[in-house]
C-alpha cells in the first residue's frame, strides 16, 4: 500500500493557479500525497505575467509552518518562492529545528520575467539553504546565479551541478529546459554519480509552473518513501504528461494539466 506522504510547501501563491503554492498542492494531491502550506507571498498574476507581489509578514510565515509541523508533521519540506534573505534565514532555522528532508526549488524569476527573489537573497540561498537541501532543483539561469558559472550547455549544467554539490547539497536535479536543442536533458547528480532524463522538447507556450510542479512531484515521491532516482523519474514522467495535456488556458504562458492522473477516476 502506498504511503500517503506529507509535504509542507513553503512558497508563494499564484492567483492564476499555474505555479506556486497552487501548482504545488495540485501536484502533491494528484500523486496521492498530502499537501500543507506556509505561504510566503501573495502574487497578482495570470498567464500574461506578474503585476503585483505582496510579501506575508515573517512572523506569519513562521506561525504557519510551526502550526503544521507541530501537529500534522511533514515527511518532506518543499520550498519555492521565498522572496528575501530574511525568509531564507527563517526556513534555514526551521530546517535546523525540524531535520526533515528538504526539496529546495531556488525560484528567482517568474516565467514572464518578473523577479521573485531579491538580489541580496541569492547569497542567503547559497549559504543557508543549499547545505540543507536533500534535493536542489535549479534551472540553468538559477544555477548560473548560484554558482557564478556560465550555464548554456549540458556540460555546463554538469559543471554547475558539481559546484552545487560542493556547496553542500545532497543531490541536485539540473534542469535543462533553458539549454538550446531539440531534446531536453535534465541531470540528477549526487556524490555517487548521475542519471540523465532526456526527451523531445515539447513545442508549447503552456509551460507555466513546470519548475514548481517538478520539484513538488519529486517531494511527493520522496515523502512516500521512494528512493531518490525513482522519485525523480516518476516526477519527470508526471510533468511530461502534464505538459502534453496542457488545457490551453490564457493568452500567455499557460498552465499544465496537473490533474491528468485523476481523469476517468472521478
C-alpha atoms as a PDB file:
ATOM      1  CA  UNK A   1       0.000   0.000   0.000  1.00  0.00           C
ATOM      2  CA  UNK A   2       1.354   3.427  -0.971  1.00  0.00           C
ATOM      3  CA  UNK A   3       2.387   5.705   1.878  1.00  0.00           C
ATOM      4  CA  UNK A   4       0.372   8.942   1.897  1.00  0.00           C
ATOM      5  CA  UNK A   5       3.395  11.248   2.101  1.00  0.00           C
ATOM      6  CA  UNK A   6       3.054  14.615   3.874  1.00  0.00           C
ATOM      7  CA  UNK A   7       4.611  17.610   2.109  1.00  0.00           C
ATOM      8  CA  UNK A   8       4.858  21.037   3.723  1.00  0.00           C
ATOM      9  CA  UNK A   9       5.149  23.642   0.965  1.00  0.00           C
ATOM     10  CA  UNK A  10       6.781  26.960   1.869  1.00  0.00           C
ATOM     11  CA  UNK A  11       6.196  29.158  -1.166  1.00  0.00           C
ATOM     12  CA  UNK A  12       4.238  31.991  -2.749  1.00  0.00           C
ATOM     13  CA  UNK A  13       0.668  31.984  -4.018  1.00  0.00           C
ATOM     14  CA  UNK A  14      -0.105  32.312  -7.754  1.00  0.00           C
ATOM     15  CA  UNK A  15      -3.566  33.775  -8.353  1.00  0.00           C
ATOM     16  CA  UNK A  16      -3.588  32.248 -11.835  1.00  0.00           C
ATOM     17  CA  UNK A  17      -3.193  28.761 -10.372  1.00  0.00           C
ATOM     18  CA  UNK A  18      -0.453  27.620 -12.735  1.00  0.00           C
ATOM     19  CA  UNK A  19       2.588  27.877 -10.487  1.00  0.00           C
ATOM     20  CA  UNK A  20       3.471  28.484  -6.846  1.00  0.00           C
ATOM     21  CA  UNK A  21       1.504  27.006  -3.986  1.00  0.00           C
ATOM     22  CA  UNK A  22      -1.497  26.272  -6.191  1.00  0.00           C
ATOM     23  CA  UNK A  23       0.564  24.138  -8.578  1.00  0.00           C
ATOM     24  CA  UNK A  24       2.295  22.501  -5.628  1.00  0.00           C
ATOM     25  CA  UNK A  25      -0.959  21.495  -3.923  1.00  0.00           C
ATOM     26  CA  UNK A  26      -2.423  20.168  -7.174  1.00  0.00           C
ATOM     27  CA  UNK A  27       0.704  18.137  -7.868  1.00  0.00           C
ATOM     28  CA  UNK A  28       1.007  16.600  -4.414  1.00  0.00           C
ATOM     29  CA  UNK A  29      -2.701  15.712  -4.427  1.00  0.00           C
ATOM     30  CA  UNK A  30      -2.662  14.274  -7.963  1.00  0.00           C
ATOM     31  CA  UNK A  31       0.218  11.994  -6.929  1.00  0.00           C
ATOM     32  CA  UNK A  32      -1.553  10.737  -3.831  1.00  0.00           C
ATOM     33  CA  UNK A  33       0.206  12.830  -1.195  1.00  0.00           C
ATOM     34  CA  UNK A  34      -0.986  15.269   1.460  1.00  0.00           C
ATOM     35  CA  UNK A  35      -0.125  18.944   0.987  1.00  0.00           C
ATOM     36  CA  UNK A  36       0.106  21.590   3.703  1.00  0.00           C
ATOM     37  CA  UNK A  37       1.370  25.141   3.232  1.00  0.00           C
ATOM     38  CA  UNK A  38       3.135  28.136   4.700  1.00  0.00           C
ATOM     39  CA  UNK A  39       2.517  30.952   2.212  1.00  0.00           C
ATOM     40  CA  UNK A  40       5.356  33.448   1.829  1.00  0.00           C
ATOM     41  CA  UNK A  41       3.743  35.969  -0.534  1.00  0.00           C
ATOM     42  CA  UNK A  42       0.568  36.658  -2.460  1.00  0.00           C
ATOM     43  CA  UNK A  43       1.279  37.399  -6.102  1.00  0.00           C
ATOM     44  CA  UNK A  44      -1.096  39.016  -8.561  1.00  0.00           C
ATOM     45  CA  UNK A  45      -0.603  37.156 -11.813  1.00  0.00           C
ATOM     46  CA  UNK A  46      -2.114  35.336 -14.748  1.00  0.00           C
ATOM     47  CA  UNK A  47      -0.657  33.774 -17.871  1.00  0.00           C
ATOM     48  CA  UNK A  48       0.440  37.219 -19.101  1.00  0.00           C
ATOM     49  CA  UNK A  49       2.696  37.943 -16.154  1.00  0.00           C
ATOM     50  CA  UNK A  50       3.081  39.137 -12.568  1.00  0.00           C
ATOM     51  CA  UNK A  51       1.644  42.576 -11.783  1.00  0.00           C
ATOM     52  CA  UNK A  52       1.994  42.555  -8.007  1.00  0.00           C
ATOM     53  CA  UNK A  53       3.908  40.826  -5.204  1.00  0.00           C
ATOM     54  CA  UNK A  54       2.710  41.210  -1.603  1.00  0.00           C
ATOM     55  CA  UNK A  55       5.001  39.577   0.985  1.00  0.00           C
ATOM     56  CA  UNK A  56       3.483  37.865   4.017  1.00  0.00           C
ATOM     57  CA  UNK A  57       4.937  39.097   7.345  1.00  0.00           C
ATOM     58  CA  UNK A  58       7.798  36.933   8.540  1.00  0.00           C
ATOM     59  CA  UNK A  59       6.078  36.052  11.810  1.00  0.00           C
ATOM     60  CA  UNK A  60       3.015  34.829   9.908  1.00  0.00           C
ATOM     61  CA  UNK A  61       5.121  32.613   7.646  1.00  0.00           C
ATOM     62  CA  UNK A  62       6.800  31.134  10.707  1.00  0.00           C
ATOM     63  CA  UNK A  63       3.482  30.656  12.525  1.00  0.00           C
ATOM     64  CA  UNK A  64       2.016  28.780   9.542  1.00  0.00           C
ATOM     65  CA  UNK A  65       4.993  26.428   9.341  1.00  0.00           C
ATOM     66  CA  UNK A  66       5.073  25.789  13.091  1.00  0.00           C
ATOM     67  CA  UNK A  67       1.329  25.138  13.185  1.00  0.00           C
ATOM     68  CA  UNK A  68       1.697  22.418  10.564  1.00  0.00           C
ATOM     69  CA  UNK A  69       4.921  20.866  11.836  1.00  0.00           C
ATOM     70  CA  UNK A  70       3.825  20.724  15.477  1.00  0.00           C
ATOM     71  CA  UNK A  71       0.568  18.925  14.667  1.00  0.00           C
ATOM     72  CA  UNK A  72       0.280  17.301  11.231  1.00  0.00           C
ATOM     73  CA  UNK A  73       4.020  16.988  10.667  1.00  0.00           C
ATOM     74  CA  UNK A  74       5.783  16.539   7.335  1.00  0.00           C
ATOM     75  CA  UNK A  75       7.842  13.870   5.626  1.00  0.00           C
ATOM     76  CA  UNK A  76       9.398  16.404   3.229  1.00  0.00           C
ATOM     77  CA  UNK A  77       9.535  20.199   3.166  1.00  0.00           C
ATOM     78  CA  UNK A  78       9.410  21.764  -0.305  1.00  0.00           C
ATOM     79  CA  UNK A  79      10.433  25.387  -0.761  1.00  0.00           C
ATOM     80  CA  UNK A  80       9.585  27.670  -3.655  1.00  0.00           C
ATOM     81  CA  UNK A  81       9.385  31.463  -3.798  1.00  0.00           C
ATOM     82  CA  UNK A  82      10.978  32.829  -0.615  1.00  0.00           C
ATOM     83  CA  UNK A  83      11.400  36.425  -1.726  1.00  0.00           C
ATOM     84  CA  UNK A  84      14.082  37.822   0.547  1.00  0.00           C
ATOM     85  CA  UNK A  85      17.044  36.923   2.726  1.00  0.00           C
ATOM     86  CA  UNK A  86      15.060  37.084   5.970  1.00  0.00           C
ATOM     87  CA  UNK A  87      12.628  34.437   4.724  1.00  0.00           C
ATOM     88  CA  UNK A  88      15.513  32.248   3.549  1.00  0.00           C
ATOM     89  CA  UNK A  89      17.058  32.556   7.010  1.00  0.00           C
ATOM     90  CA  UNK A  90      13.747  31.632   8.639  1.00  0.00           C
ATOM     91  CA  UNK A  91      13.457  28.484   6.518  1.00  0.00           C
ATOM     92  CA  UNK A  92      17.036  27.515   7.388  1.00  0.00           C
ATOM     93  CA  UNK A  93      16.235  27.852  11.103  1.00  0.00           C
ATOM     94  CA  UNK A  94      13.096  25.734  10.732  1.00  0.00           C
ATOM     95  CA  UNK A  95      15.079  23.035   8.943  1.00  0.00           C
ATOM     96  CA  UNK A  96      17.598  23.036  11.780  1.00  0.00           C
ATOM     97  CA  UNK A  97      14.801  22.653  14.331  1.00  0.00           C
ATOM     98  CA  UNK A  98      12.930  20.028  12.301  1.00  0.00           C
ATOM     99  CA  UNK A  99      15.555  17.972  10.415  1.00  0.00           C
ATOM    100  CA  UNK A 100      13.164  16.931   7.664  1.00  0.00           C
ATOM    101  CA  UNK A 101      14.447  16.284   4.102  1.00  0.00           C
ATOM    102  CA  UNK A 102      14.064  19.459   2.039  1.00  0.00           C
ATOM    103  CA  UNK A 103      13.460  19.792  -1.693  1.00  0.00           C
ATOM    104  CA  UNK A 104      14.694  23.297  -2.494  1.00  0.00           C
ATOM    105  CA  UNK A 105      13.484  24.912  -5.707  1.00  0.00           C
ATOM    106  CA  UNK A 106      15.510  28.160  -5.845  1.00  0.00           C
ATOM    107  CA  UNK A 107      12.791  30.243  -7.503  1.00  0.00           C
ATOM    108  CA  UNK A 108      14.244  33.522  -8.749  1.00  0.00           C
ATOM    109  CA  UNK A 109      12.293  34.698 -11.807  1.00  0.00           C
ATOM    110  CA  UNK A 110       8.724  34.100 -12.967  1.00  0.00           C
ATOM    111  CA  UNK A 111       8.056  32.694 -16.435  1.00  0.00           C
ATOM    112  CA  UNK A 112       7.162  36.164 -17.678  1.00  0.00           C
ATOM    113  CA  UNK A 113      10.397  37.678 -16.349  1.00  0.00           C
ATOM    114  CA  UNK A 114       9.325  39.190 -13.009  1.00  0.00           C
ATOM    115  CA  UNK A 115      11.903  38.881 -10.220  1.00  0.00           C
ATOM    116  CA  UNK A 116      10.733  36.694  -7.327  1.00  0.00           C
ATOM    117  CA  UNK A 117      13.922  36.747  -5.236  1.00  0.00           C
ATOM    118  CA  UNK A 118      15.770  39.842  -4.072  1.00  0.00           C
ATOM    119  CA  UNK A 119      19.353  40.039  -5.333  1.00  0.00           C
ATOM    120  CA  UNK A 120      20.771  40.022  -1.801  1.00  0.00           C
ATOM    121  CA  UNK A 121      18.834  36.832  -1.027  1.00  0.00           C
ATOM    122  CA  UNK A 122      20.807  34.792  -3.581  1.00  0.00           C
ATOM    123  CA  UNK A 123      23.777  34.676  -1.210  1.00  0.00           C
ATOM    124  CA  UNK A 124      21.468  33.546   1.596  1.00  0.00           C
ATOM    125  CA  UNK A 125      20.170  30.685  -0.548  1.00  0.00           C
ATOM    126  CA  UNK A 126      23.747  29.746  -1.400  1.00  0.00           C
ATOM    127  CA  UNK A 127      24.977  29.830   2.182  1.00  0.00           C
ATOM    128  CA  UNK A 128      21.936  28.801   4.218  1.00  0.00           C
ATOM    129  CA  UNK A 129      19.660  26.604   2.077  1.00  0.00           C
ATOM    130  CA  UNK A 130      21.921  24.709  -0.321  1.00  0.00           C
ATOM    131  CA  UNK A 131      23.778  22.927   2.518  1.00  0.00           C
ATOM    132  CA  UNK A 132      20.396  21.862   3.927  1.00  0.00           C
ATOM    133  CA  UNK A 133      18.924  20.573   0.648  1.00  0.00           C
ATOM    134  CA  UNK A 134      18.249  16.882   0.233  1.00  0.00           C
ATOM    135  CA  UNK A 135      17.475  17.804  -3.380  1.00  0.00           C
ATOM    136  CA  UNK A 136      18.123  21.128  -5.134  1.00  0.00           C
ATOM    137  CA  UNK A 137      16.249  21.744  -8.402  1.00  0.00           C
ATOM    138  CA  UNK A 138      17.717  24.736 -10.287  1.00  0.00           C
ATOM    139  CA  UNK A 139      17.175  25.589 -13.927  1.00  0.00           C
ATOM    140  CA  UNK A 140      20.099  26.892 -15.964  1.00  0.00           C
ATOM    141  CA  UNK A 141      19.707  30.619 -15.099  1.00  0.00           C
ATOM    142  CA  UNK A 142      19.276  29.794 -11.406  1.00  0.00           C
ATOM    143  CA  UNK A 143      22.326  27.540 -11.447  1.00  0.00           C
ATOM    144  CA  UNK A 144      24.321  30.320 -13.101  1.00  0.00           C
ATOM    145  CA  UNK A 145      23.242  32.834 -10.454  1.00  0.00           C
ATOM    146  CA  UNK A 146      24.081  30.465  -7.612  1.00  0.00           C
ATOM    147  CA  UNK A 147      27.477  29.363  -8.927  1.00  0.00           C
ATOM    148  CA  UNK A 148      28.695  32.321 -10.986  1.00  0.00           C
ATOM    149  CA  UNK A 149      29.312  29.962 -13.903  1.00  0.00           C
ATOM    150  CA  UNK A 150      28.034  30.245 -17.461  1.00  0.00           C
ATOM    151  CA  UNK A 151      25.339  27.609 -17.966  1.00  0.00           C
ATOM    152  CA  UNK A 152      24.443  27.302 -21.632  1.00  0.00           C
ATOM    153  CA  UNK A 153      25.097  23.631 -22.482  1.00  0.00           C
ATOM    154  CA  UNK A 154      24.533  20.240 -20.892  1.00  0.00           C
ATOM    155  CA  UNK A 155      28.218  20.086 -19.970  1.00  0.00           C
ATOM    156  CA  UNK A 156      27.782  23.486 -18.306  1.00  0.00           C
ATOM    157  CA  UNK A 157      24.851  22.053 -16.355  1.00  0.00           C
ATOM    158  CA  UNK A 158      27.096  19.239 -15.194  1.00  0.00           C
ATOM    159  CA  UNK A 159      29.858  21.617 -14.072  1.00  0.00           C
ATOM    160  CA  UNK A 160      27.376  23.794 -12.195  1.00  0.00           C
ATOM    161  CA  UNK A 161      25.875  20.710 -10.593  1.00  0.00           C
ATOM    162  CA  UNK A 162      29.266  19.641  -9.306  1.00  0.00           C
ATOM    163  CA  UNK A 163      29.761  23.124  -7.866  1.00  0.00           C
ATOM    164  CA  UNK A 164      26.377  22.966  -6.103  1.00  0.00           C
ATOM    165  CA  UNK A 165      27.203  19.546  -4.658  1.00  0.00           C
ATOM    166  CA  UNK A 166      30.458  21.028  -3.388  1.00  0.00           C
ATOM    167  CA  UNK A 167      28.411  23.736  -1.650  1.00  0.00           C
ATOM    168  CA  UNK A 168      26.689  21.046   0.392  1.00  0.00           C
ATOM    169  CA  UNK A 169      23.568  19.926  -1.474  1.00  0.00           C
ATOM    170  CA  UNK A 170      22.993  16.183  -1.043  1.00  0.00           C
ATOM    171  CA  UNK A 171      21.671  15.917  -4.603  1.00  0.00           C
ATOM    172  CA  UNK A 172      20.881  18.292  -7.452  1.00  0.00           C
ATOM    173  CA  UNK A 173      18.440  17.982 -10.339  1.00  0.00           C
ATOM    174  CA  UNK A 174      19.882  20.247 -13.016  1.00  0.00           C
ATOM    175  CA  UNK A 175      17.013  21.215 -15.307  1.00  0.00           C
ATOM    176  CA  UNK A 176      17.898  21.639 -18.959  1.00  0.00           C
ATOM    177  CA  UNK A 177      14.803  23.328 -20.319  1.00  0.00           C
ATOM    178  CA  UNK A 178      16.673  26.595 -20.902  1.00  0.00           C
ATOM    179  CA  UNK A 179      19.515  24.841 -22.760  1.00  0.00           C
ATOM    180  CA  UNK A 180      19.077  25.100 -26.531  1.00  0.00           C
ATOM    181  CA  UNK A 181      18.459  21.933 -28.510  1.00  0.00           C
ATOM    182  CA  UNK A 182      15.756  19.664 -29.906  1.00  0.00           C
ATOM    183  CA  UNK A 183      15.950  17.451 -26.831  1.00  0.00           C
ATOM    184  CA  UNK A 184      15.741  18.409 -23.167  1.00  0.00           C
ATOM    185  CA  UNK A 185      18.257  16.797 -20.818  1.00  0.00           C
ATOM    186  CA  UNK A 186      17.910  17.016 -17.033  1.00  0.00           C
ATOM    187  CA  UNK A 187      20.715  15.669 -14.866  1.00  0.00           C
ATOM    188  CA  UNK A 188      20.180  14.143 -11.427  1.00  0.00           C
ATOM    189  CA  UNK A 189      23.553  14.385  -9.723  1.00  0.00           C
ATOM    190  CA  UNK A 190      24.772  13.038  -6.390  1.00  0.00           C
ATOM    191  CA  UNK A 191      28.267  12.446  -4.991  1.00  0.00           C
ATOM    192  CA  UNK A 192      27.872   8.854  -6.238  1.00  0.00           C
ATOM    193  CA  UNK A 193      27.138   9.671  -9.884  1.00  0.00           C
ATOM    194  CA  UNK A 194      24.467  10.998 -12.232  1.00  0.00           C
ATOM    195  CA  UNK A 195      21.322   9.909 -14.039  1.00  0.00           C
ATOM    196  CA  UNK A 196      20.121  11.668 -17.191  1.00  0.00           C
ATOM    197  CA  UNK A 197      16.452  12.196 -18.031  1.00  0.00           C
ATOM    198  CA  UNK A 198      16.027  13.017 -21.707  1.00  0.00           C
ATOM    199  CA  UNK A 199      13.113  13.635 -24.027  1.00  0.00           C
ATOM    200  CA  UNK A 200      11.959  15.546 -27.109  1.00  0.00           C
ATOM    201  CA  UNK A 201      11.372  19.239 -26.459  1.00  0.00           C
ATOM    202  CA  UNK A 202       7.654  19.985 -26.343  1.00  0.00           C
ATOM    203  CA  UNK A 203       6.865  22.977 -28.556  1.00  0.00           C
ATOM    204  CA  UNK A 204       4.350  24.786 -26.371  1.00  0.00           C
ATOM    205  CA  UNK A 205       3.805  28.138 -24.689  1.00  0.00           C
ATOM    206  CA  UNK A 206       1.897  26.337 -21.934  1.00  0.00           C
ATOM    207  CA  UNK A 207       4.837  25.725 -19.616  1.00  0.00           C
ATOM    208  CA  UNK A 208       3.980  27.989 -16.673  1.00  0.00           C
ATOM    209  CA  UNK A 209       4.805  26.288 -13.387  1.00  0.00           C
ATOM    210  CA  UNK A 210       6.884  23.410 -14.739  1.00  0.00           C
ATOM    211  CA  UNK A 211       9.648  24.031 -12.179  1.00  0.00           C
ATOM    212  CA  UNK A 212       7.280  24.219  -9.205  1.00  0.00           C
ATOM    213  CA  UNK A 213       5.459  21.144 -10.441  1.00  0.00           C
ATOM    214  CA  UNK A 214       8.602  19.065 -10.951  1.00  0.00           C
ATOM    215  CA  UNK A 215      10.004  19.935  -7.519  1.00  0.00           C
ATOM    216  CA  UNK A 216       6.697  19.159  -5.798  1.00  0.00           C
ATOM    217  CA  UNK A 217       6.386  15.875  -7.657  1.00  0.00           C
ATOM    218  CA  UNK A 218       9.897  14.936  -6.512  1.00  0.00           C
ATOM    219  CA  UNK A 219       8.987  15.920  -2.955  1.00  0.00           C
ATOM    220  CA  UNK A 220       5.872  13.755  -3.062  1.00  0.00           C
ATOM    221  CA  UNK A 221       7.761  10.691  -4.219  1.00  0.00           C
ATOM    222  CA  UNK A 222      10.379  11.170  -1.503  1.00  0.00           C
ATOM    223  CA  UNK A 223       7.660  11.726   1.115  1.00  0.00           C
ATOM    224  CA  UNK A 224       6.074   8.433   0.033  1.00  0.00           C
ATOM    225  CA  UNK A 225       9.354   6.620   0.648  1.00  0.00           C
ATOM    226  CA  UNK A 226      10.631   6.218  -2.900  1.00  0.00           C
ATOM    227  CA  UNK A 227      14.397   6.158  -3.491  1.00  0.00           C
ATOM    228  CA  UNK A 228      15.723   9.409  -4.945  1.00  0.00           C
ATOM    229  CA  UNK A 229      16.155   8.227  -8.544  1.00  0.00           C
ATOM    230  CA  UNK A 230      12.721   6.596  -8.606  1.00  0.00           C
ATOM    231  CA  UNK A 231      11.106   9.714  -7.129  1.00  0.00           C
ATOM    232  CA  UNK A 232      12.705  11.937  -9.769  1.00  0.00           C
ATOM    233  CA  UNK A 233      11.849   9.521 -12.600  1.00  0.00           C
ATOM    234  CA  UNK A 234       8.209   9.449 -11.539  1.00  0.00           C
ATOM    235  CA  UNK A 235       8.144  13.232 -11.232  1.00  0.00           C
ATOM    236  CA  UNK A 236       9.712  13.660 -14.663  1.00  0.00           C
ATOM    237  CA  UNK A 237       7.106  11.407 -16.278  1.00  0.00           C
ATOM    238  CA  UNK A 238       4.267  13.188 -14.457  1.00  0.00           C
ATOM    239  CA  UNK A 239       5.385  16.647 -15.624  1.00  0.00           C
ATOM    240  CA  UNK A 240       5.993  15.460 -19.196  1.00  0.00           C
ATOM    241  CA  UNK A 241       2.442  14.152 -19.445  1.00  0.00           C
ATOM    242  CA  UNK A 242       1.013  17.261 -17.731  1.00  0.00           C
ATOM    243  CA  UNK A 243       2.731  19.398 -20.382  1.00  0.00           C
ATOM    244  CA  UNK A 244       1.396  17.260 -23.226  1.00  0.00           C
ATOM    245  CA  UNK A 245      -2.132  17.584 -21.818  1.00  0.00           C
ATOM    246  CA  UNK A 246      -1.959  21.321 -21.067  1.00  0.00           C
ATOM    247  CA  UNK A 247      -5.505  22.701 -21.361  1.00  0.00           C
ATOM    248  CA  UNK A 248      -4.519  25.761 -23.413  1.00  0.00           C
ATOM    249  CA  UNK A 249      -5.780  28.353 -20.944  1.00  0.00           C
ATOM    250  CA  UNK A 250      -4.894  32.041 -21.148  1.00  0.00           C
ATOM    251  CA  UNK A 251      -3.243  34.234 -23.747  1.00  0.00           C
ATOM    252  CA  UNK A 252       0.313  33.946 -22.407  1.00  0.00           C
ATOM    253  CA  UNK A 253       2.348  31.255 -20.650  1.00  0.00           C
ATOM    254  CA  UNK A 254      -0.441  28.831 -19.823  1.00  0.00           C
ATOM    255  CA  UNK A 255      -0.644  26.180 -17.079  1.00  0.00           C
ATOM    256  CA  UNK A 256      -0.131  22.435 -17.238  1.00  0.00           C
ATOM    257  CA  UNK A 257      -2.815  19.805 -16.638  1.00  0.00           C
ATOM    258  CA  UNK A 258      -1.915  18.915 -13.068  1.00  0.00           C
ATOM    259  CA  UNK A 259      -4.963  16.720 -12.652  1.00  0.00           C
ATOM    260  CA  UNK A 260      -4.350  14.339 -15.548  1.00  0.00           C
ATOM    261  CA  UNK A 261      -3.760  11.425 -13.172  1.00  0.00           C
ATOM    262  CA  UNK A 262      -7.367  11.757 -11.953  1.00  0.00           C
ATOM    263  CA  UNK A 263      -9.098  11.751 -15.354  1.00  0.00           C
ATOM    264  CA  UNK A 264     -11.601   8.921 -15.509  1.00  0.00           C
ATOM    265  CA  UNK A 265     -11.364   8.225 -11.780  1.00  0.00           C
ATOM    266  CA  UNK A 266     -13.838  10.812 -10.560  1.00  0.00           C
END
